[in-house]
Amino acid sequence: METRATLRYGKIGPQKVRDITSLIIGKEAKIALGILANLKRRPASILIKLIKSALANAKAKETKEPLDFYLERVVVDGGPVAKRLRAAAMGKSTMIKKRTTHITVVLRNRENGSES
């Protein structure tokens, strides 16, 4: 069984989130939450909320079997970029890009000890 949770228009750059996702892909959800809880980076708290949301979605779908989920994939895409101007030297201006992120966390249930 597959469940997912998405964050749209998160106010953080996608590259910052991608650096952390390599640590948790393929791990069990509880282990991934433990890894993220010990990281002192801002995307970690965002991913913790997303994984907890995906687990809550799984509980809502399935009530009888124990929930033993692992992170099948975490997709991090760039969202729209808000562009601002900042004054620079010699009467010029420079662009400030405020990036947003779309994150999708996909959890899959381990059935009978296998990954399918």
PDB file of N, CA and C in Angstrom:
ATOM      1  N   MET A   1       0.834  -1.168   0.000  1.00  0.00           N
ATOM      2  CA  MET A   1       0.000   0.000   0.000  1.00  0.00           C
ATOM      3  C   MET A   1       0.889   1.245   0.000  1.00  0.00           C
ATOM      4  N   GLU A   2       0.480   2.221  -0.758  1.00  0.00           N
ATOM      5  CA  GLU A   2       1.266   3.435  -0.894  1.00  0.00           C
ATOM      6  C   GLU A   2       0.487   4.628  -0.368  1.00  0.00           C
ATOM      7  N   THR A   3       1.154   5.462   0.410  1.00  0.00           N
ATOM      8  CA  THR A   3       0.543   6.709   0.855  1.00  0.00           C
ATOM      9  C   THR A   3       1.510   7.842   0.573  1.00  0.00           C
ATOM     10  N   ARG A   4       0.956   9.037   0.476  1.00  0.00           N
ATOM     11  CA  ARG A   4       1.797  10.185   0.178  1.00  0.00           C
ATOM     12  C   ARG A   4       1.310  11.423   0.906  1.00  0.00           C
ATOM     13  N   ALA A   5       2.211  12.363   1.031  1.00  0.00           N
ATOM     14  CA  ALA A   5       1.895  13.677   1.571  1.00  0.00           C
ATOM     15  C   ALA A   5       2.701  14.687   0.754  1.00  0.00           C
ATOM     16  N   THR A   6       2.107  15.836   0.488  1.00  0.00           N
ATOM     17  CA  THR A   6       2.792  16.829  -0.325  1.00  0.00           C
ATOM     18  C   THR A   6       2.813  18.186   0.378  1.00  0.00           C
ATOM     19  N   LEU A   7       3.848  18.917   0.107  1.00  0.00           N
ATOM     20  CA  LEU A   7       3.952  20.308   0.526  1.00  0.00           C
ATOM     21  C   LEU A   7       4.122  21.118  -0.741  1.00  0.00           C
ATOM     22  N   ARG A   8       3.266  22.092  -0.927  1.00  0.00           N
ATOM     23  CA  ARG A   8       3.343  22.942  -2.104  1.00  0.00           C
ATOM     24  C   ARG A   8       3.737  24.352  -1.659  1.00  0.00           C
ATOM     25  N   TYR A   9       4.563  24.971  -2.439  1.00  0.00           N
ATOM     26  CA  TYR A   9       4.997  26.352  -2.209  1.00  0.00           C
ATOM     27  C   TYR A   9       5.693  26.534  -0.859  1.00  0.00           C
ATOM     28  N   GLY A  10       6.506  25.583  -0.457  1.00  0.00           N
ATOM     29  CA  GLY A  10       7.283  25.736   0.773  1.00  0.00           C
ATOM     30  C   GLY A  10       8.339  26.807   0.596  1.00  0.00           C
ATOM     31  N   LYS A  11       8.504  27.668   1.578  1.00  0.00           N
ATOM     32  CA  LYS A  11       9.409  28.805   1.445  1.00  0.00           C
ATOM     33  C   LYS A  11      10.828  28.423   1.839  1.00  0.00           C
ATOM     34  N   ILE A  12      11.412  27.565   1.029  1.00  0.00           N
ATOM     35  CA  ILE A  12      12.801  27.147   1.200  1.00  0.00           C
ATOM     36  C   ILE A  12      13.295  26.702  -0.163  1.00  0.00           C
ATOM     37  N   GLY A  13      14.578  26.850  -0.413  1.00  0.00           N
ATOM     38  CA  GLY A  13      15.128  26.467  -1.708  1.00  0.00           C
ATOM     39  C   GLY A  13      15.162  24.962  -1.880  1.00  0.00           C
ATOM     40  N   PRO A  14      14.914  24.462  -3.085  1.00  0.00           N
ATOM     41  CA  PRO A  14      14.879  23.015  -3.289  1.00  0.00           C
ATOM     42  C   PRO A  14      16.226  22.333  -3.057  1.00  0.00           C
ATOM     43  N   GLN A  15      17.332  23.011  -3.345  1.00  0.00           N
ATOM     44  CA  GLN A  15      18.627  22.367  -3.177  1.00  0.00           C
ATOM     45  C   GLN A  15      18.918  22.075  -1.707  1.00  0.00           C
ATOM     46  N   LYS A  16      18.454  22.927  -0.821  1.00  0.00           N
ATOM     47  CA  LYS A  16      18.659  22.693   0.609  1.00  0.00           C
ATOM     48  C   LYS A  16      17.923  21.438   1.064  1.00  0.00           C
ATOM     49  N   VAL A  17      16.748  21.194   0.502  1.00  0.00           N
ATOM     50  CA  VAL A  17      15.966  20.012   0.874  1.00  0.00           C
ATOM     51  C   VAL A  17      16.578  18.758   0.249  1.00  0.00           C
ATOM     52  N   ARG A  18      17.060  18.859  -0.985  1.00  0.00           N
ATOM     53  CA  ARG A  18      17.645  17.700  -1.669  1.00  0.00           C
ATOM     54  C   ARG A  18      18.879  17.184  -0.945  1.00  0.00           C
ATOM     55  N   ASP A  19      19.636  18.070  -0.306  1.00  0.00           N
ATOM     56  CA  ASP A  19      20.825  17.637   0.432  1.00  0.00           C
ATOM     57  C   ASP A  19      20.469  16.671   1.549  1.00  0.00           C
ATOM     58  N   ILE A  20      19.315  16.853   2.162  1.00  0.00           N
ATOM     59  CA  ILE A  20      18.914  16.026   3.301  1.00  0.00           C
ATOM     60  C   ILE A  20      18.186  14.754   2.861  1.00  0.00           C
ATOM     61  N   THR A  21      17.468  14.801   1.754  1.00  0.00           N
ATOM     62  CA  THR A  21      16.652  13.642   1.368  1.00  0.00           C
ATOM     63  C   THR A  21      17.500  12.410   1.065  1.00  0.00           C
ATOM     64  N   SER A  22      18.753  12.602   0.656  1.00  0.00           N
ATOM     65  CA  SER A  22      19.598  11.443   0.368  1.00  0.00           C
ATOM     66  C   SER A  22      19.878  10.626   1.629  1.00  0.00           C
ATOM     67  N   LEU A  23      19.749  11.241   2.800  1.00  0.00           N
ATOM     68  CA  LEU A  23      19.987  10.526   4.056  1.00  0.00           C
ATOM     69  C   LEU A  23      18.840   9.587   4.431  1.00  0.00           C
ATOM     70  N   ILE A  24      17.623   9.863   3.948  1.00  0.00           N
ATOM     71  CA  ILE A  24      16.463   9.144   4.476  1.00  0.00           C
ATOM     72  C   ILE A  24      15.766   8.246   3.458  1.00  0.00           C
ATOM     73  N   ILE A  25      16.070   8.361   2.181  1.00  0.00           N
ATOM     74  CA  ILE A  25      15.369   7.543   1.182  1.00  0.00           C
ATOM     75  C   ILE A  25      15.722   6.076   1.394  1.00  0.00           C
ATOM     76  N   GLY A  26      14.693   5.218   1.414  1.00  0.00           N
ATOM     77  CA  GLY A  26      14.869   3.789   1.609  1.00  0.00           C
ATOM     78  C   GLY A  26      14.820   3.347   3.055  1.00  0.00           C
ATOM     79  N   LYS A  27      14.843   4.267   3.987  1.00  0.00           N
ATOM     80  CA  LYS A  27      14.812   3.922   5.411  1.00  0.00           C
ATOM     81  C   LYS A  27      13.368   3.776   5.890  1.00  0.00           C
ATOM     82  N   GLU A  28      13.203   3.069   7.004  1.00  0.00           N
ATOM     83  CA  GLU A  28      11.883   2.980   7.611  1.00  0.00           C
ATOM     84  C   GLU A  28      11.483   4.356   8.120  1.00  0.00           C
ATOM     85  N   ALA A  29      10.184   4.591   8.194  1.00  0.00           N
ATOM     86  CA  ALA A  29       9.685   5.920   8.542  1.00  0.00           C
ATOM     87  C   ALA A  29      10.143   6.333   9.946  1.00  0.00           C
ATOM     88  N   LYS A  30      10.104   5.415  10.912  1.00  0.00           N
ATOM     89  CA  LYS A  30      10.497   5.765  12.275  1.00  0.00           C
ATOM     90  C   LYS A  30      11.985   6.069  12.369  1.00  0.00           C
ATOM     91  N   ILE A  31      12.802   5.320  11.615  1.00  0.00           N
ATOM     92  CA  ILE A  31      14.239   5.580  11.607  1.00  0.00           C
ATOM     93  C   ILE A  31      14.536   6.912  10.932  1.00  0.00           C
ATOM     94  N   ALA A  32      13.824   7.207   9.842  1.00  0.00           N
ATOM     95  CA  ALA A  32      14.012   8.479   9.143  1.00  0.00           C
ATOM     96  C   ALA A  32      13.636   9.653  10.048  1.00  0.00           C
ATOM     97  N   LEU A  33      12.566   9.487  10.834  1.00  0.00           N
ATOM     98  CA  LEU A  33      12.184  10.547  11.771  1.00  0.00           C
ATOM     99  C   LEU A  33      13.273  10.776  12.825  1.00  0.00           C
ATOM    100  N   GLY A  34      13.902   9.696  13.264  1.00  0.00           N
ATOM    101  CA  GLY A  34      14.997   9.819  14.233  1.00  0.00           C
ATOM    102  C   GLY A  34      16.208  10.522  13.648  1.00  0.00           C
ATOM    103  N   ILE A  35      16.524  10.203  12.402  1.00  0.00           N
ATOM    104  CA  ILE A  35      17.661  10.853  11.739  1.00  0.00           C
ATOM    105  C   ILE A  35      17.388  12.342  11.590  1.00  0.00           C
ATOM    106  N   LEU A  36      16.187  12.672  11.136  1.00  0.00           N
ATOM    107  CA  LEU A  36      15.852  14.077  10.912  1.00  0.00           C
ATOM    108  C   LEU A  36      15.774  14.867  12.220  1.00  0.00           C
ATOM    109  N   ALA A  37      15.356  14.199  13.293  1.00  0.00           N
ATOM    110  CA  ALA A  37      15.248  14.896  14.584  1.00  0.00           C
ATOM    111  C   ALA A  37      16.620  15.336  15.094  1.00  0.00           C
ATOM    112  N   ASN A  38      17.682  14.634  14.696  1.00  0.00           N
ATOM    113  CA  ASN A  38      19.025  14.974  15.164  1.00  0.00           C
ATOM    114  C   ASN A  38      19.765  15.927  14.237  1.00  0.00           C
ATOM    115  N   LEU A  39      19.170  16.289  13.109  1.00  0.00           N
ATOM    116  CA  LEU A  39      19.798  17.251  12.214  1.00  0.00           C
ATOM    117  C   LEU A  39      19.434  18.666  12.640  1.00  0.00           C
ATOM    118  N   LYS A  40      20.378  19.567  12.539  1.00  0.00           N
ATOM    119  CA  LYS A  40      20.117  20.958  12.914  1.00  0.00           C
ATOM    120  C   LYS A  40      20.013  21.816  11.671  1.00  0.00           C
ATOM    121  N   ARG A  41      19.222  21.365  10.726  1.00  0.00           N
ATOM    122  CA  ARG A  41      19.018  22.127   9.499  1.00  0.00           C
ATOM    123  C   ARG A  41      17.527  22.364   9.319  1.00  0.00           C
ATOM    124  N   ARG A  42      17.181  23.490   8.721  1.00  0.00           N
ATOM    125  CA  ARG A  42      15.784  23.894   8.600  1.00  0.00           C
ATOM    126  C   ARG A  42      14.923  22.915   7.798  1.00  0.00           C
ATOM    127  N   PRO A  43      15.410  22.327   6.710  1.00  0.00           N
ATOM    128  CA  PRO A  43      14.555  21.388   5.965  1.00  0.00           C
ATOM    129  C   PRO A  43      14.181  20.139   6.763  1.00  0.00           C
ATOM    130  N   ALA A  44      14.956  19.808   7.792  1.00  0.00           N
ATOM    131  CA  ALA A  44      14.668  18.615   8.582  1.00  0.00           C
ATOM    132  C   ALA A  44      13.301  18.724   9.257  1.00  0.00           C
ATOM    133  N   SER A  45      12.987  19.890   9.820  1.00  0.00           N
ATOM    134  CA  SER A  45      11.695  20.039  10.501  1.00  0.00           C
ATOM    135  C   SER A  45      10.540  19.973   9.501  1.00  0.00           C
ATOM    136  N   ILE A  46      10.750  20.483   8.298  1.00  0.00           N
ATOM    137  CA  ILE A  46       9.715  20.419   7.263  1.00  0.00           C
ATOM    138  C   ILE A  46       9.469  18.968   6.864  1.00  0.00           C
ATOM    139  N   LEU A  47      10.546  18.196   6.687  1.00  0.00           N
ATOM    140  CA  LEU A  47      10.404  16.786   6.291  1.00  0.00           C
ATOM    141  C   LEU A  47       9.794  15.946   7.413  1.00  0.00           C
ATOM    142  N   ILE A  48      10.085  16.288   8.674  1.00  0.00           N
ATOM    143  CA  ILE A  48       9.470  15.565   9.795  1.00  0.00           C
ATOM    144  C   ILE A  48       7.950  15.718   9.744  1.00  0.00           C
ATOM    145  N   LYS A  49       7.494  16.944   9.527  1.00  0.00           N
ATOM    146  CA  LYS A  49       6.052  17.180   9.445  1.00  0.00           C
ATOM    147  C   LYS A  49       5.427  16.422   8.283  1.00  0.00           C
ATOM    148  N   LEU A  50       6.123  16.377   7.147  1.00  0.00           N
ATOM    149  CA  LEU A  50       5.583  15.677   5.983  1.00  0.00           C
ATOM    150  C   LEU A  50       5.491  14.175   6.214  1.00  0.00           C
ATOM    151  N   ILE A  51       6.521  13.594   6.816  1.00  0.00           N
ATOM    152  CA  ILE A  51       6.500  12.152   7.073  1.00  0.00           C
ATOM    153  C   ILE A  51       5.401  11.810   8.071  1.00  0.00           C
ATOM    154  N   LYS A  52       5.235  12.627   9.111  1.00  0.00           N
ATOM    155  CA  LYS A  52       4.157  12.391  10.073  1.00  0.00           C
ATOM    156  C   LYS A  52       2.791  12.514   9.410  1.00  0.00           C
ATOM    157  N   SER A  53       2.663  13.448   8.490  1.00  0.00           N
ATOM    158  CA  SER A  53       1.406  13.606   7.754  1.00  0.00           C
ATOM    159  C   SER A  53       1.123  12.390   6.886  1.00  0.00           C
ATOM    160  N   ALA A  54       2.149  11.871   6.227  1.00  0.00           N
ATOM    161  CA  ALA A  54       1.965  10.677   5.394  1.00  0.00           C
ATOM    162  C   ALA A  54       1.588   9.460   6.247  1.00  0.00           C
ATOM    163  N   LEU A  55       2.178   9.343   7.440  1.00  0.00           N
ATOM    164  CA  LEU A  55       1.812   8.245   8.339  1.00  0.00           C
ATOM    165  C   LEU A  55       0.370   8.385   8.818  1.00  0.00           C
ATOM    166  N   ALA A  56      -0.065   9.617   9.081  1.00  0.00           N
ATOM    167  CA  ALA A  56      -1.454   9.841   9.480  1.00  0.00           C
ATOM    168  C   ALA A  56      -2.404   9.498   8.337  1.00  0.00           C
ATOM    169  N   ASN A  57      -2.000   9.818   7.104  1.00  0.00           N
ATOM    170  CA  ASN A  57      -2.815   9.439   5.946  1.00  0.00           C
ATOM    171  C   ASN A  57      -2.927   7.925   5.829  1.00  0.00           C
ATOM    172  N   ALA A  58      -1.832   7.221   6.135  1.00  0.00           N
ATOM    173  CA  ALA A  58      -1.847   5.757   6.069  1.00  0.00           C
ATOM    174  C   ALA A  58      -2.776   5.176   7.135  1.00  0.00           C
ATOM    175  N   LYS A  59      -2.757   5.756   8.339  1.00  0.00           N
ATOM    176  CA  LYS A  59      -3.645   5.265   9.395  1.00  0.00           C
ATOM    177  C   LYS A  59      -5.106   5.479   9.033  1.00  0.00           C
ATOM    178  N   ALA A  60      -5.390   6.565   8.345  1.00  0.00           N
ATOM    179  CA  ALA A  60      -6.767   6.842   7.947  1.00  0.00           C
ATOM    180  C   ALA A  60      -7.245   5.852   6.894  1.00  0.00           C
ATOM    181  N   LYS A  61      -6.344   5.411   6.035  1.00  0.00           N
ATOM    182  CA  LYS A  61      -6.719   4.464   4.978  1.00  0.00           C
ATOM    183  C   LYS A  61      -6.861   3.038   5.515  1.00  0.00           C
ATOM    184  N   GLU A  62      -5.920   2.644   6.363  1.00  0.00           N
ATOM    185  CA  GLU A  62      -5.817   1.244   6.773  1.00  0.00           C
ATOM    186  C   GLU A  62      -5.871   1.160   8.290  1.00  0.00           C
ATOM    187  N   THR A  63      -6.772   0.331   8.828  1.00  0.00           N
ATOM    188  CA  THR A  63      -6.932   0.291  10.279  1.00  0.00           C
ATOM    189  C   THR A  63      -6.567  -1.046  10.900  1.00  0.00           C
ATOM    190  N   LYS A  64      -6.531  -2.135  10.156  1.00  0.00           N
ATOM    191  CA  LYS A  64      -6.355  -3.450  10.773  1.00  0.00           C
ATOM    192  C   LYS A  64      -4.890  -3.855  10.941  1.00  0.00           C
ATOM    193  N   GLU A  65      -4.076  -3.701   9.920  1.00  0.00           N
ATOM    194  CA  GLU A  65      -2.705  -4.197   9.958  1.00  0.00           C
ATOM    195  C   GLU A  65      -1.778  -3.195  10.641  1.00  0.00           C
ATOM    196  N   PRO A  66      -0.678  -3.684  11.221  1.00  0.00           N
ATOM    197  CA  PRO A  66       0.292  -2.748  11.794  1.00  0.00           C
ATOM    198  C   PRO A  66       0.959  -1.935  10.678  1.00  0.00           C
ATOM    199  N   LEU A  67       1.292  -0.717  10.997  1.00  0.00           N
ATOM    200  CA  LEU A  67       1.858   0.173   9.987  1.00  0.00           C
ATOM    201  C   LEU A  67       3.381   0.080  10.013  1.00  0.00           C
ATOM    202  N   ASP A  68       3.940  -0.546   8.978  1.00  0.00           N
ATOM    203  CA  ASP A  68       5.381  -0.706   8.859  1.00  0.00           C
ATOM    204  C   ASP A  68       5.789  -0.105   7.524  1.00  0.00           C
ATOM    205  N   PHE A  69       6.033   1.185   7.494  1.00  0.00           N
ATOM    206  CA  PHE A  69       6.269   1.891   6.244  1.00  0.00           C
ATOM    207  C   PHE A  69       7.725   2.311   6.102  1.00  0.00           C
ATOM    208  N   TYR A  70       8.180   2.376   4.860  1.00  0.00           N
ATOM    209  CA  TYR A  70       9.495   2.925   4.551  1.00  0.00           C
ATOM    210  C   TYR A  70       9.336   4.005   3.492  1.00  0.00           C
ATOM    211  N   LEU A  71      10.328   4.871   3.388  1.00  0.00           N
ATOM    212  CA  LEU A  71      10.273   5.966   2.424  1.00  0.00           C
ATOM    213  C   LEU A  71      10.695   5.443   1.062  1.00  0.00           C
ATOM    214  N   GLU A  72       9.720   5.283   0.194  1.00  0.00           N
ATOM    215  CA  GLU A  72      10.029   4.789  -1.144  1.00  0.00           C
ATOM    216  C   GLU A  72      10.712   5.874  -1.969  1.00  0.00           C
ATOM    217  N   ARG A  73      10.150   7.071  -1.961  1.00  0.00           N
ATOM    218  CA  ARG A  73      10.807   8.169  -2.667  1.00  0.00           C
ATOM    219  C   ARG A  73      10.377   9.505  -2.067  1.00  0.00           C
ATOM    220  N   VAL A  74      11.254  10.463  -2.246  1.00  0.00           N
ATOM    221  CA  VAL A  74      10.994  11.839  -1.842  1.00  0.00           C
ATOM    222  C   VAL A  74      11.320  12.691  -3.064  1.00  0.00           C
ATOM    223  N   VAL A  75      10.295  13.342  -3.600  1.00  0.00           N
ATOM    224  CA  VAL A  75      10.473  14.157  -4.801  1.00  0.00           C
ATOM    225  C   VAL A  75      10.506  15.621  -4.383  1.00  0.00           C
ATOM    226  N   VAL A  76      11.576  16.308  -4.770  1.00  0.00           N
ATOM    227  CA  VAL A  76      11.734  17.722  -4.440  1.00  0.00           C
ATOM    228  C   VAL A  76      11.836  18.496  -5.746  1.00  0.00           C
ATOM    229  N   ASP A  77      10.835  19.296  -6.029  1.00  0.00           N
ATOM    230  CA  ASP A  77      10.802  20.104  -7.239  1.00  0.00           C
ATOM    231  C   ASP A  77      10.810  21.580  -6.866  1.00  0.00           C
ATOM    232  N   GLY A  78      11.326  22.375  -7.758  1.00  0.00           N
ATOM    233  CA  GLY A  78      11.305  23.816  -7.545  1.00  0.00           C
ATOM    234  C   GLY A  78       9.939  24.377  -7.878  1.00  0.00           C
ATOM    235  N   GLY A  79       9.484  25.304  -7.076  1.00  0.00           N
ATOM    236  CA  GLY A  79       8.220  25.980  -7.330  1.00  0.00           C
ATOM    237  C   GLY A  79       8.492  27.322  -7.990  1.00  0.00           C
ATOM    238  N   PRO A  80       7.508  28.193  -7.989  1.00  0.00           N
ATOM    239  CA  PRO A  80       7.717  29.516  -8.582  1.00  0.00           C
ATOM    240  C   PRO A  80       8.733  30.331  -7.785  1.00  0.00           C
ATOM    241  N   VAL A  81       9.439  31.190  -8.494  1.00  0.00           N
ATOM    242  CA  VAL A  81      10.472  32.017  -7.882  1.00  0.00           C
ATOM    243  C   VAL A  81       9.977  33.459  -7.834  1.00  0.00           C
ATOM    244  N   ALA A  82       9.948  34.027  -6.632  1.00  0.00           N
ATOM    245  CA  ALA A  82       9.586  35.436  -6.483  1.00  0.00           C
ATOM    246  C   ALA A  82      10.854  36.260  -6.682  1.00  0.00           C
ATOM    247  N   LYS A  83      10.781  37.237  -7.544  1.00  0.00           N
ATOM    248  CA  LYS A  83      11.967  38.029  -7.869  1.00  0.00           C
ATOM    249  C   LYS A  83      11.836  39.425  -7.288  1.00  0.00           C
ATOM    250  N   ARG A  84      12.885  39.847  -6.604  1.00  0.00           N
ATOM    251  CA  ARG A  84      12.934  41.167  -6.012  1.00  0.00           C
ATOM    252  C   ARG A  84      14.190  41.869  -6.498  1.00  0.00           C
ATOM    253  N   LEU A  85      14.187  43.183  -6.453  1.00  0.00           N
ATOM    254  CA  LEU A  85      15.364  43.954  -6.852  1.00  0.00           C
ATOM    255  C   LEU A  85      15.999  44.585  -5.630  1.00  0.00           C
ATOM    256  N   ARG A  86      17.308  44.667  -5.664  1.00  0.00           N
ATOM    257  CA  ARG A  86      18.063  45.272  -4.581  1.00  0.00           C
ATOM    258  C   ARG A  86      19.027  46.288  -5.177  1.00  0.00           C
ATOM    259  N   ALA A  87      19.182  47.400  -4.526  1.00  0.00           N
ATOM    260  CA  ALA A  87      20.091  48.426  -5.020  1.00  0.00           C
ATOM    261  C   ALA A  87      21.525  47.920  -4.973  1.00  0.00           C
ATOM    262  N   ALA A  88      22.274  48.251  -6.020  1.00  0.00           N
ATOM    263  CA  ALA A  88      23.673  47.847  -6.103  1.00  0.00           C
ATOM    264  C   ALA A  88      24.527  49.076  -6.402  1.00  0.00           C
ATOM    265  N   ALA A  89      25.810  48.862  -6.574  1.00  0.00           N
ATOM    266  CA  ALA A  89      26.741  49.959  -6.791  1.00  0.00           C
ATOM    267  C   ALA A  89      26.494  50.655  -8.130  1.00  0.00           C
ATOM    268  N   MET A  90      26.845  51.905  -8.189  1.00  0.00           N
ATOM    269  CA  MET A  90      26.808  52.708  -9.414  1.00  0.00           C
ATOM    270  C   MET A  90      25.401  52.826 -10.002  1.00  0.00           C
ATOM    271  N   GLY A  91      24.386  52.869  -9.153  1.00  0.00           N
ATOM    272  CA  GLY A  91      23.019  53.075  -9.617  1.00  0.00           C
ATOM    273  C   GLY A  91      22.381  51.876 -10.281  1.00  0.00           C
ATOM    274  N   LYS A  92      22.984  50.724 -10.163  1.00  0.00           N
ATOM    275  CA  LYS A  92      22.432  49.509 -10.775  1.00  0.00           C
ATOM    276  C   LYS A  92      21.585  48.769  -9.749  1.00  0.00           C
ATOM    277  N   SER A  93      20.975  47.674 -10.203  1.00  0.00           N
ATOM    278  CA  SER A  93      20.223  46.820  -9.282  1.00  0.00           C
ATOM    279  C   SER A  93      20.572  45.372  -9.562  1.00  0.00           C
ATOM    280  N   THR A  94      20.423  44.550  -8.541  1.00  0.00           N
ATOM    281  CA  THR A  94      20.663  43.120  -8.685  1.00  0.00           C
ATOM    282  C   THR A  94      19.399  42.363  -8.311  1.00  0.00           C
ATOM    283  N   MET A  95      19.282  41.168  -8.829  1.00  0.00           N
ATOM    284  CA  MET A  95      18.098  40.346  -8.616  1.00  0.00           C
ATOM    285  C   MET A  95      18.262  39.485  -7.366  1.00  0.00           C
ATOM    286  N   ILE A  96      17.237  39.456  -6.541  1.00  0.00           N
ATOM    287  CA  ILE A  96      17.163  38.525  -5.413  1.00  0.00           C
ATOM    288  C   ILE A  96      16.058  37.536  -5.743  1.00  0.00           C
ATOM    289  N   LYS A  97      16.397  36.254  -5.733  1.00  0.00           N
ATOM    290  CA  LYS A  97      15.420  35.218  -6.065  1.00  0.00           C
ATOM    291  C   LYS A  97      14.989  34.511  -4.789  1.00  0.00           C
ATOM    292  N   LYS A  98      13.703  34.591  -4.472  1.00  0.00           N
ATOM    293  CA  LYS A  98      13.145  33.908  -3.305  1.00  0.00           C
ATOM    294  C   LYS A  98      12.481  32.640  -3.812  1.00  0.00           C
ATOM    295  N   ARG A  99      13.158  31.519  -3.625  1.00  0.00           N
ATOM    296  CA  ARG A  99      12.725  30.259  -4.214  1.00  0.00           C
ATOM    297  C   ARG A  99      11.684  29.558  -3.342  1.00  0.00           C
ATOM    298  N   THR A 100      10.818  28.798  -3.992  1.00  0.00           N
ATOM    299  CA  THR A 100       9.854  27.960  -3.289  1.00  0.00           C
ATOM    300  C   THR A 100      10.039  26.520  -3.742  1.00  0.00           C
ATOM    301  N   THR A 101       9.458  25.603  -2.988  1.00  0.00           N
ATOM    302  CA  THR A 101       9.687  24.180  -3.203  1.00  0.00           C
ATOM    303  C   THR A 101       8.392  23.397  -3.116  1.00  0.00           C
ATOM    304  N   HIS A 102       8.261  22.396  -3.975  1.00  0.00           N
ATOM    305  CA  HIS A 102       7.185  21.409  -3.880  1.00  0.00           C
ATOM    306  C   HIS A 102       7.842  20.090  -3.459  1.00  0.00           C
ATOM    307  N   ILE A 103       7.395  19.531  -2.336  1.00  0.00           N
ATOM    308  CA  ILE A 103       7.969  18.284  -1.815  1.00  0.00           C
ATOM    309  C   ILE A 103       6.869  17.231  -1.749  1.00  0.00           C
ATOM    310  N   THR A 104       7.148  16.028  -2.253  1.00  0.00           N
ATOM    311  CA  THR A 104       6.225  14.902  -2.161  1.00  0.00           C
ATOM    312  C   THR A 104       6.946  13.747  -1.480  1.00  0.00           C
ATOM    313  N   VAL A 105       6.368  13.238  -0.403  1.00  0.00           N
ATOM    314  CA  VAL A 105       6.909  12.088   0.318  1.00  0.00           C
ATOM    315  C   VAL A 105       5.999  10.897   0.040  1.00  0.00           C
ATOM    316  N   VAL A 106       6.580   9.790  -0.436  1.00  0.00           N
ATOM    317  CA  VAL A 106       5.815   8.591  -0.750  1.00  0.00           C
ATOM    318  C   VAL A 106       6.279   7.473   0.176  1.00  0.00           C
ATOM    319  N   LEU A 107       5.356   6.936   0.949  1.00  0.00           N
ATOM    320  CA  LEU A 107       5.640   5.814   1.850  1.00  0.00           C
ATOM    321  C   LEU A 107       5.005   4.550   1.292  1.00  0.00           C
ATOM    322  N   ARG A 108       5.689   3.428   1.463  1.00  0.00           N
ATOM    323  CA  ARG A 108       5.143   2.152   1.029  1.00  0.00           C
ATOM    324  C   ARG A 108       5.219   1.174   2.198  1.00  0.00           C
ATOM    325  N   ASN A 109       4.217   0.317   2.282  1.00  0.00           N
ATOM    326  CA  ASN A 109       4.138  -0.663   3.365  1.00  0.00           C
ATOM    327  C   ASN A 109       4.996  -1.877   3.047  1.00  0.00           C
ATOM    328  N   ARG A 110       5.763  -2.321   4.026  1.00  0.00           N
ATOM    329  CA  ARG A 110       6.509  -3.574   3.863  1.00  0.00           C
ATOM    330  C   ARG A 110       5.554  -4.710   4.199  1.00  0.00           C
ATOM    331  N   GLU A 111       5.323  -5.548   3.228  1.00  0.00           N
ATOM    332  CA  GLU A 111       4.414  -6.688   3.436  1.00  0.00           C
ATOM    333  C   GLU A 111       5.225  -7.963   3.543  1.00  0.00           C
ATOM    334  N   ASN A 112       5.093  -8.664   4.672  1.00  0.00           N
ATOM    335  CA  ASN A 112       5.777  -9.940   4.927  1.00  0.00           C
ATOM    336  C   ASN A 112       7.295  -9.797   4.824  1.00  0.00           C
ATOM    337  N   GLY A 113       7.833  -8.683   5.234  1.00  0.00           N
ATOM    338  CA  GLY A 113       9.279  -8.480   5.242  1.00  0.00           C
ATOM    339  C   GLY A 113       9.882  -8.126   3.903  1.00  0.00           C
ATOM    340  N   SER A 114       9.092  -8.021   2.847  1.00  0.00           N
ATOM    341  CA  SER A 114       9.635  -7.649   1.547  1.00  0.00           C
ATOM    342  C   SER A 114       9.335  -6.183   1.267  1.00  0.00           C
ATOM    343  N   GLU A 115       9.959  -5.665   0.203  1.00  0.00           N
ATOM    344  CA  GLU A 115       9.797  -4.258  -0.112  1.00  0.00           C
ATOM    345  C   GLU A 115       8.760  -3.998  -1.182  1.00  0.00           C
ATOM    346  N   SER A 116       7.861  -4.880  -1.433  1.00  0.00           N
ATOM    347  CA  SER A 116       6.862  -4.633  -2.484  1.00  0.00           C
ATOM    348  C   SER A 116       5.519  -4.403  -1.927  1.00  0.00           C
TER     349      SER A 116
END
